[in-house]
Protein backbone atom coordinates (compact mmCIF):
# COMPACT_ATOMS: atom_id res chain seq x y z
CA MET A 1 -8.05 -71.92 231.82
CA PHE A 2 -8.34 -73.85 235.07
CA SER A 3 -10.87 -72.47 237.54
CA SER A 4 -10.62 -73.28 241.24
CA GLU A 5 -13.73 -75.47 240.89
CA LEU A 6 -12.19 -77.40 238.01
CA ILE A 7 -8.93 -77.90 239.89
CA GLU A 8 -10.89 -79.25 242.84
CA GLN A 9 -12.50 -81.81 240.55
CA PHE A 10 -9.08 -82.69 239.17
CA ARG A 11 -7.96 -83.47 242.74
CA ASN A 12 -10.62 -86.19 242.92
CA THR A 13 -9.63 -87.73 239.58
CA PRO A 14 -6.91 -90.41 239.38
CA THR A 15 -3.83 -89.09 237.63
CA PRO A 16 -2.32 -88.87 235.14
CA PHE A 17 -5.10 -88.09 232.65
CA TYR A 18 -5.71 -86.10 229.50
CA TYR A 19 -8.10 -83.18 229.76
CA TYR A 20 -9.65 -81.64 226.65
CA ASP A 21 -11.37 -78.26 226.56
CA LEU A 22 -14.09 -78.79 223.97
CA ASN A 23 -15.14 -75.14 224.16
CA LEU A 24 -11.71 -74.03 222.95
CA LEU A 25 -11.75 -76.74 220.31
CA GLU A 26 -15.04 -75.48 218.93
CA GLN A 27 -13.83 -71.87 218.93
CA THR A 28 -10.79 -72.96 216.94
CA ILE A 29 -12.85 -74.94 214.44
CA ILE A 30 -15.34 -72.12 213.94
CA LYS A 31 -12.56 -69.57 213.38
CA LEU A 32 -10.97 -71.75 210.70
CA LYS A 33 -14.34 -72.61 209.18
CA GLU A 34 -15.27 -68.95 208.80
CA LEU A 35 -11.96 -68.12 207.15
CA VAL A 36 -11.96 -70.99 204.66
CA LYS A 37 -15.60 -70.36 203.78
CA GLU A 38 -14.61 -66.94 202.48
CA ASN A 39 -11.94 -68.54 200.28
CA ASN A 40 -13.86 -71.70 199.34
CA PHE A 41 -11.02 -73.89 200.62
CA GLN A 42 -11.61 -77.48 201.73
CA ILE A 43 -10.29 -78.74 205.08
CA HIS A 44 -9.26 -82.34 205.74
CA TYR A 45 -8.44 -82.80 209.43
CA ALA A 46 -5.30 -84.91 209.94
CA LEU A 47 -6.43 -87.76 212.18
CA LYS A 48 -2.87 -88.65 213.15
CA ALA A 49 -2.90 -85.67 215.56
CA ASN A 50 -5.76 -87.01 217.70
CA VAL A 51 -8.42 -89.67 217.03
CA ASN A 52 -10.60 -89.36 220.15
CA GLU A 53 -14.27 -89.72 219.35
CA PRO A 54 -15.66 -86.50 220.91
CA ILE A 55 -13.00 -84.52 219.06
CA LEU A 56 -13.66 -86.22 215.73
CA GLU A 57 -17.40 -85.82 216.20
CA MET A 58 -17.06 -82.07 216.67
CA ILE A 59 -14.73 -81.69 213.69
CA ARG A 60 -17.01 -83.75 211.44
CA SER A 61 -20.11 -81.85 212.56
CA HIS A 62 -18.62 -78.66 211.11
CA GLY A 63 -18.26 -80.22 207.68
CA PHE A 64 -14.53 -80.91 207.57
CA GLY A 65 -13.11 -83.92 205.80
CA ALA A 66 -10.47 -86.37 207.04
CA ASP A 67 -6.81 -86.84 206.16
CA CYS A 68 -5.84 -90.44 206.96
CA VAL A 69 -2.48 -92.20 206.90
CA SER A 70 -3.55 -95.77 207.72
CA GLY A 71 -6.37 -98.20 207.11
CA ASN A 72 -7.51 -97.95 210.72
CA GLU A 73 -7.69 -94.17 210.46
CA ILE A 74 -9.93 -94.57 207.41
CA LEU A 75 -12.16 -96.96 209.36
CA GLN A 76 -12.28 -94.58 212.33
CA ALA A 77 -13.21 -91.66 210.06
CA ILE A 78 -16.00 -93.66 208.42
CA ARG A 79 -17.22 -94.94 211.78
CA MET A 80 -17.42 -91.33 212.99
CA GLY A 81 -19.53 -90.32 209.99
CA PHE A 82 -17.03 -88.52 207.75
CA GLU A 83 -18.19 -88.57 204.14
CA PRO A 84 -16.04 -91.02 202.15
CA SER A 85 -15.78 -88.43 199.36
CA LYS A 86 -14.08 -86.11 201.86
CA ILE A 87 -11.50 -88.68 202.98
CA VAL A 88 -7.97 -88.50 201.57
CA PHE A 89 -5.46 -91.29 202.10
CA ALA A 90 -1.81 -90.32 202.36
CA GLY A 91 1.35 -92.15 203.34
CA VAL A 92 4.53 -93.32 201.69
CA GLY A 93 3.91 -97.01 202.52
CA LYS A 94 0.29 -98.00 201.93
CA SER A 95 -0.18 -101.76 202.19
CA ASP A 96 -2.24 -103.75 199.67
CA GLU A 97 -4.84 -104.39 202.37
CA GLU A 98 -5.12 -100.67 203.11
CA ILE A 99 -5.44 -99.77 199.43
CA GLU A 100 -8.16 -102.38 199.01
CA LEU A 101 -10.02 -101.07 202.03
CA ALA A 102 -9.86 -97.51 200.71
CA LEU A 103 -11.14 -98.61 197.29
CA ASP A 104 -13.97 -100.59 198.86
CA HIS A 105 -15.08 -97.51 200.83
CA ASN A 106 -14.85 -95.23 197.77
CA ILE A 107 -12.70 -92.64 199.47
CA GLY A 108 -12.22 -89.30 197.76
CA ILE A 109 -8.52 -89.22 196.92
CA PHE A 110 -5.33 -91.22 197.26
CA ASN A 111 -2.34 -88.93 197.82
CA CYS A 112 0.29 -90.97 195.97
CA GLU A 113 4.00 -90.80 196.71
CA SER A 114 5.74 -92.94 194.06
CA LEU A 115 5.28 -94.26 190.56
CA GLN A 116 5.17 -97.84 191.80
CA GLU A 117 2.35 -96.94 194.20
CA VAL A 118 0.31 -95.46 191.33
CA ILE A 119 0.82 -98.62 189.27
CA VAL A 120 -0.29 -100.84 192.17
CA ILE A 121 -3.41 -98.74 192.85
CA ASN A 122 -4.25 -98.84 189.14
CA GLU A 123 -4.01 -102.65 189.12
CA MET A 124 -6.13 -103.04 192.24
CA ALA A 125 -8.74 -100.52 191.07
CA SER A 126 -8.93 -102.26 187.68
CA ALA A 127 -9.60 -105.59 189.39
CA LYS A 128 -12.57 -103.99 191.12
CA ALA A 129 -13.75 -102.17 187.97
CA LYS A 130 -13.25 -98.82 189.71
CA ILE A 131 -11.49 -95.57 188.91
CA ALA A 132 -9.17 -94.37 191.68
CA ARG A 133 -8.85 -90.59 192.00
CA ILE A 134 -5.30 -89.64 192.94
CA ALA A 135 -3.25 -86.58 193.76
CA ILE A 136 0.46 -86.68 193.09
CA ARG A 137 2.50 -85.80 196.16
CA ILE A 138 5.53 -83.86 195.02
CA ASN A 139 8.69 -83.30 196.98
CA PRO A 140 9.23 -79.57 196.29
CA ASN A 141 12.65 -79.33 197.99
CA VAL A 142 11.43 -76.52 200.26
CA GLU A 143 13.05 -76.18 203.69
CA ALA A 144 10.38 -76.07 206.42
CA LYS A 145 12.74 -74.52 209.00
CA THR A 146 11.44 -76.79 211.74
CA HIS A 147 12.82 -79.80 213.64
CA HIS A 148 14.63 -82.12 211.23
CA TYR A 149 12.55 -85.12 212.39
CA ILE A 150 9.37 -83.45 211.11
CA THR A 151 10.72 -81.92 207.91
CA THR A 152 9.20 -83.75 204.95
CA GLY A 153 9.67 -81.57 201.86
CA MET A 154 13.39 -81.91 201.07
CA GLN A 155 14.91 -84.24 198.50
CA THR A 156 16.69 -86.05 201.31
CA ASN A 157 13.31 -87.02 202.81
CA LYS A 158 11.42 -90.19 201.87
CA PHE A 159 8.22 -88.43 200.89
CA GLY A 160 6.75 -87.62 197.49
CA PHE A 161 7.62 -87.91 193.82
CA SER A 162 10.98 -86.73 192.57
CA GLN A 163 11.23 -84.81 189.31
CA GLU A 164 12.54 -87.94 187.53
CA GLU A 165 9.52 -90.01 188.58
CA LEU A 166 7.13 -87.28 187.46
CA GLU A 167 8.53 -87.57 183.95
CA GLN A 168 8.11 -91.35 184.06
CA LEU A 169 4.53 -91.03 185.34
CA LEU A 170 3.46 -88.79 182.48
CA GLU A 171 5.02 -91.21 180.00
CA LYS A 172 2.87 -94.05 181.43
CA ILE A 173 -0.32 -92.20 182.37
CA ASN A 174 -2.28 -93.21 179.26
CA GLU A 175 -1.64 -96.87 180.11
CA LEU A 176 -3.14 -96.48 183.59
CA GLU A 177 -6.82 -96.67 182.70
CA SER A 178 -8.11 -97.08 186.26
CA ILE A 179 -6.37 -93.92 187.54
CA LYS A 180 -7.58 -90.33 187.35
CA ILE A 181 -5.15 -87.60 188.40
CA THR A 182 -7.21 -84.89 190.08
CA GLY A 183 -4.56 -82.75 191.72
CA LEU A 184 -1.18 -82.21 193.33
CA HIS A 185 -0.32 -82.77 196.97
CA PHE A 186 2.40 -81.08 199.02
CA HIS A 187 3.32 -81.35 202.69
CA ILE A 188 6.71 -80.01 203.75
CA GLY A 189 6.73 -80.43 207.52
CA SER A 190 5.08 -79.75 210.86
CA GLN A 191 5.12 -77.02 213.52
CA ILE A 192 6.04 -74.37 210.96
CA THR A 193 6.00 -70.90 212.51
CA ASN A 194 8.02 -69.01 209.88
CA MET A 195 5.39 -67.83 207.41
CA ASP A 196 8.00 -67.26 204.69
CA VAL A 197 8.10 -71.05 204.37
CA PHE A 198 4.51 -71.15 203.11
CA GLN A 199 5.22 -68.32 200.69
CA ASN A 200 8.17 -70.28 199.30
CA LEU A 201 5.95 -73.34 198.97
CA CYS A 202 3.33 -71.41 197.00
CA LEU A 203 5.96 -70.16 194.57
CA ARG A 204 7.23 -73.72 194.01
CA VAL A 205 3.65 -74.95 193.50
CA ASN A 206 3.21 -72.31 190.79
CA GLU A 207 6.25 -73.69 189.00
CA PHE A 208 4.93 -77.26 189.17
CA GLN A 209 1.49 -76.20 187.94
CA ASP A 210 3.03 -74.44 184.96
CA TRP A 211 5.08 -77.56 184.20
CA PHE A 212 2.04 -79.86 184.30
CA GLU A 213 -0.05 -77.52 182.16
CA ALA A 214 2.73 -77.34 179.60
CA LYS A 215 2.41 -81.14 179.45
CA GLY A 216 -1.33 -80.82 178.85
CA LEU A 217 -2.54 -81.79 182.34
CA TYR A 218 -5.03 -79.52 184.15
CA LEU A 219 -5.27 -80.01 187.91
CA GLY A 220 -8.64 -79.74 189.62
CA HIS A 221 -7.21 -79.21 193.08
CA ILE A 222 -4.03 -78.29 194.91
CA ASN A 223 -3.48 -79.80 198.36
CA LEU A 224 -0.99 -77.76 200.38
CA GLY A 225 -0.95 -80.20 203.31
CA GLY A 226 -0.73 -78.97 206.87
CA GLY A 227 2.14 -77.91 209.08
CA LEU A 228 0.96 -74.63 210.61
CA GLY A 229 2.57 -74.35 214.04
CA ILE A 230 1.12 -73.31 217.37
CA ASP A 231 2.48 -71.25 220.27
CA TYR A 232 3.71 -73.76 222.84
CA VAL A 233 5.23 -70.99 224.99
CA ASN A 234 2.08 -68.88 225.40
CA PRO A 235 -0.86 -71.26 224.97
CA GLU A 236 -3.39 -69.01 226.69
CA GLU A 237 -2.42 -65.77 224.96
CA ASN A 238 -2.32 -67.47 221.55
CA SER A 239 -4.80 -70.28 221.89
CA ILE A 240 -5.93 -70.07 218.25
CA PRO A 241 -3.20 -70.34 215.58
CA GLU A 242 -2.54 -67.81 212.83
CA PHE A 243 -4.95 -69.29 210.30
CA GLU A 244 -5.66 -65.90 208.75
CA LYS A 245 -2.01 -65.18 208.00
CA LEU A 246 -1.59 -68.55 206.32
CA LEU A 247 -4.69 -68.12 204.16
CA ASN A 248 -3.65 -64.59 203.15
CA ILE A 249 -0.26 -65.91 202.04
CA ILE A 250 -1.96 -68.56 199.92
CA GLN A 251 -4.28 -66.00 198.34
CA ASP A 252 -1.44 -63.58 197.65
CA HIS A 253 1.18 -65.99 196.31
CA LEU A 254 -0.53 -69.08 194.89
CA LYS A 255 -1.78 -68.77 191.32
CA ILE A 256 -5.15 -70.42 191.75
CA ARG A 257 -6.69 -71.47 188.45
CA PRO A 258 -10.39 -70.92 187.63
CA LYS A 259 -12.63 -73.46 189.40
CA GLN A 260 -9.59 -74.98 191.12
CA LYS A 261 -10.06 -76.15 194.71
CA ILE A 262 -7.47 -75.64 197.44
CA HIS A 263 -7.25 -78.38 200.08
CA LEU A 264 -5.55 -78.04 203.48
CA GLU A 265 -4.77 -80.76 206.04
CA PRO A 266 -4.40 -79.16 209.48
CA GLY A 267 -4.05 -81.41 212.49
CA ARG A 268 -1.98 -79.95 215.32
CA SER A 269 -3.25 -76.42 214.71
CA ILE A 270 -6.85 -77.52 215.35
CA VAL A 271 -6.46 -79.76 218.41
CA ALA A 272 -3.16 -79.09 220.19
CA GLN A 273 -4.18 -76.19 222.41
CA CYS A 274 -7.40 -77.80 223.65
CA GLY A 275 -5.53 -80.72 225.24
CA ASN A 276 -3.64 -80.94 228.53
CA LEU A 277 -1.86 -83.71 230.40
CA ILE A 278 -2.67 -83.48 234.10
CA SER A 279 -0.17 -85.16 236.43
CA LYS A 280 0.51 -85.40 240.15
CA VAL A 281 3.83 -84.80 241.89
CA LEU A 282 5.00 -88.04 243.50
CA PHE A 283 8.22 -86.83 245.10
CA VAL A 284 10.43 -83.77 245.30
CA LYS A 285 14.11 -84.65 245.64
CA ASN A 286 17.31 -82.62 245.91
CA SER A 287 20.53 -83.52 244.08
CA GLY A 288 23.23 -80.93 244.62
CA SER A 289 21.96 -77.71 243.08
CA LYS A 290 19.10 -79.54 241.35
CA LYS A 291 15.54 -79.94 242.53
CA PHE A 292 13.64 -82.73 240.81
CA ALA A 293 9.86 -82.86 240.77
CA VAL A 294 9.02 -86.48 239.94
CA ILE A 295 5.52 -86.74 238.46
CA ASP A 296 3.32 -89.73 237.65
CA ALA A 297 3.15 -88.97 233.91
CA GLY A 298 5.99 -90.13 231.70
CA PHE A 299 7.00 -90.09 228.08
CA THR A 300 4.57 -92.97 227.77
CA GLU A 301 1.88 -90.26 227.94
CA LEU A 302 3.71 -87.41 226.16
CA ILE A 303 6.73 -88.44 224.13
CA ARG A 304 7.32 -85.18 222.27
CA THR A 305 9.86 -83.82 224.74
CA ALA A 306 11.94 -87.01 224.53
CA LEU A 307 11.54 -87.52 220.78
CA TYR A 308 11.79 -83.97 219.47
CA GLN A 309 13.33 -82.11 222.43
CA SER A 310 10.17 -80.03 222.25
CA PHE A 311 8.84 -77.52 224.74
CA HIS A 312 5.56 -77.76 226.62
CA LYS A 313 4.53 -75.12 229.11
CA ILE A 314 4.20 -76.63 232.60
CA GLN A 315 2.01 -75.11 235.30
CA ASN A 316 1.58 -75.98 238.96
CA ILE A 317 -2.17 -75.54 239.29
CA SER A 318 -2.22 -76.41 243.02
CA SER A 319 0.23 -73.93 244.51
CA GLY A 320 0.62 -70.16 244.67
CA LYS A 321 3.81 -70.08 246.72
CA ALA A 322 7.08 -68.32 245.86
CA PRO A 323 8.70 -69.60 242.62
CA MET A 324 11.61 -72.02 242.49
CA LEU A 325 13.45 -73.89 239.72
CA TYR A 326 12.68 -77.58 239.13
CA ASP A 327 13.58 -80.30 236.68
CA ILE A 328 10.26 -81.98 235.85
CA VAL A 329 10.80 -85.71 235.30
CA GLY A 330 8.65 -88.80 234.93
CA PRO A 331 8.80 -92.30 236.45
CA VAL A 332 9.98 -94.19 233.35
CA CYS A 333 13.40 -95.86 233.58
CA GLU A 334 15.01 -93.63 230.95
CA THR A 335 16.97 -90.40 231.43
CA THR A 336 15.07 -88.95 228.48
CA ASP A 337 11.86 -89.19 230.54
CA SER A 338 12.03 -85.50 231.29
CA PHE A 339 9.61 -82.68 230.51
CA GLY A 340 11.77 -79.67 231.27
CA SER A 341 14.94 -78.48 232.97
CA GLU A 342 15.00 -75.55 235.41
CA VAL A 343 11.30 -74.85 235.05
CA LEU A 344 10.16 -71.93 237.18
CA LEU A 345 7.18 -73.05 239.26
CA PRO A 346 5.61 -72.03 242.56
CA GLU A 347 7.21 -74.01 245.38
CA THR A 348 6.08 -77.53 244.61
CA SER A 349 5.20 -80.33 247.02
CA ARG A 350 4.16 -83.97 246.90
CA GLY A 351 0.56 -84.22 245.73
CA ASP A 352 0.52 -80.97 243.73
CA LEU A 353 -1.10 -81.08 240.30
CA LEU A 354 0.87 -80.05 237.23
CA ALA A 355 -0.64 -79.25 233.84
CA LEU A 356 1.45 -79.96 230.75
CA ARG A 357 -0.13 -77.68 228.20
CA SER A 358 -0.70 -77.93 224.44
CA ALA A 359 -0.88 -81.73 224.57
CA GLY A 360 -3.93 -82.21 222.37
CA ALA A 361 -1.87 -83.17 219.33
CA TYR A 362 0.65 -86.02 219.25
CA GLY A 363 0.16 -86.65 222.95
CA GLU A 364 -2.40 -89.34 223.64
CA VAL A 365 -2.22 -90.71 220.10
CA MET A 366 1.51 -91.47 220.53
CA SER A 367 1.18 -92.99 223.99
CA SER A 368 2.63 -96.43 224.73
CA TYR A 369 2.64 -99.19 227.32
CA TYR A 370 6.44 -99.15 227.78
CA ASN A 371 7.33 -100.42 231.27
CA LEU A 372 3.85 -102.02 231.10
CA ARG A 373 2.28 -98.76 232.11
CA LYS A 374 -1.50 -98.60 231.80
CA LYS A 375 -3.13 -96.39 229.20
CA VAL A 376 -4.45 -93.36 231.05
CA LYS A 377 -7.94 -91.97 230.72
CA SER A 378 -9.29 -89.05 228.71
CA TYR A 379 -11.75 -86.53 230.13
CA TYR A 380 -13.49 -83.60 228.50
CA SER A 381 -14.76 -80.24 229.67
CA THR A 382 -18.30 -81.61 229.36
CA ASP A 383 -17.46 -84.27 231.97
CA PHE A 384 -16.79 -81.69 234.69
CA ARG A 385 -19.96 -79.83 235.61
CA GLN A 386 -20.54 -77.36 238.37
CA SER A 387 -23.32 -79.45 239.93
CA GLU A 388 -20.98 -82.40 240.30
CA ILE A 389 -18.20 -80.67 242.21
CA GLN A 390 -19.22 -82.06 245.60
CA SER A 391 -20.25 -85.53 244.50
CA MET A 392 -17.96 -86.43 241.65
CA ASN A 393 -17.41 -90.12 241.10
CA PRO A 394 -14.23 -90.63 239.06
CA GLN A 395 -15.55 -93.91 237.68
CA LYS A 396 -18.42 -92.22 235.93
CA LEU A 397 -15.94 -89.97 234.13
CA ASP A 398 -14.35 -92.90 232.33
CA THR A 399 -14.53 -91.73 228.72
CA THR A 400 -11.39 -93.50 227.58
CA LEU A 401 -11.38 -94.08 223.83
CA GLU A 402 -11.69 -97.80 223.16
CA MET A 403 -10.59 -98.59 219.62
CA ASN A 404 -11.04 -102.10 218.34
CA VAL A 405 -10.86 -101.66 214.59
CA THR A 406 -9.02 -103.98 212.26
CA ILE A 407 -8.35 -104.04 208.59
């Protein structure tokens, strides 16, 4: 992953910074593209995972659509050239301004999460003499078997229509003349690694399809959301997620109707493994039996470990000495600013570089300026070229995403 030449260039680059391997990203996209082409599935990349322009450009260039959860994400997708007809807009709390923006840009589908939302979209579309295409997000009460903060498909979660609201919707649908129901939407959680979960989802979707058809409503598409997990423990051995297993489960267990489209909304599974947070060791301190390696990256750059108690593989890419156990902590004035306890690393010294792996999803996009820390820069594999090893100027590598979009 990190050649000696690349590590040498890292040494000359101010830390911390995000490093993205665009070669791995393209391999991942192509693998998924080949698989869904065989099944005629449609992919909408979930922008919430990562919105950096070189990443979006590569995803768009392979024909994928965009899954957006805010007005600014819609604007970013359009600015990056995604076809409006391939943009879906999800989210349990769409503002009036965001709905208006989406209508003005003629996006493909609103994924709607409540009866009141459908009524509001109908009113706003009617005022513009437009027909809004919607998919009904249903809460299927399927346990995702993942962290409870990122479980979204249970009745105790805030997402999606309940069975009671579905009944009410069908009673009112003929009154909603500026709405066209085109499909159903499901998303039950993130970082799902137990494939039985997707099988259970497909079986529940079959039940809902049968129910809608019994009511006389044919659905042109089924959106199964995203949620496929990645291997945070072995990012190099399993750099590309198990797309094929997921698609086989869908084919085997979902009753796909004739001419019906299947939509998927992967985010993490496309971009997570291509991203890394590179940080420098500031100090090594002893405290009883503990050895702390204090690094210059904090949860302001990667909050997942503090927020979800998640695991990221950490590598010392500077040292090859005998291994020792370290607690890897950041500089932020919070005890939760920690990336791992008793991490086995080669003997680590001040100035060593550490790589926090699998940080391409929900890393940079969730960064903050807490403690008034500066936003760190993003670099890509195309920025580091062999011919520049001896004469690299860090300033010329400044490819930080500058977003200045408003609704």
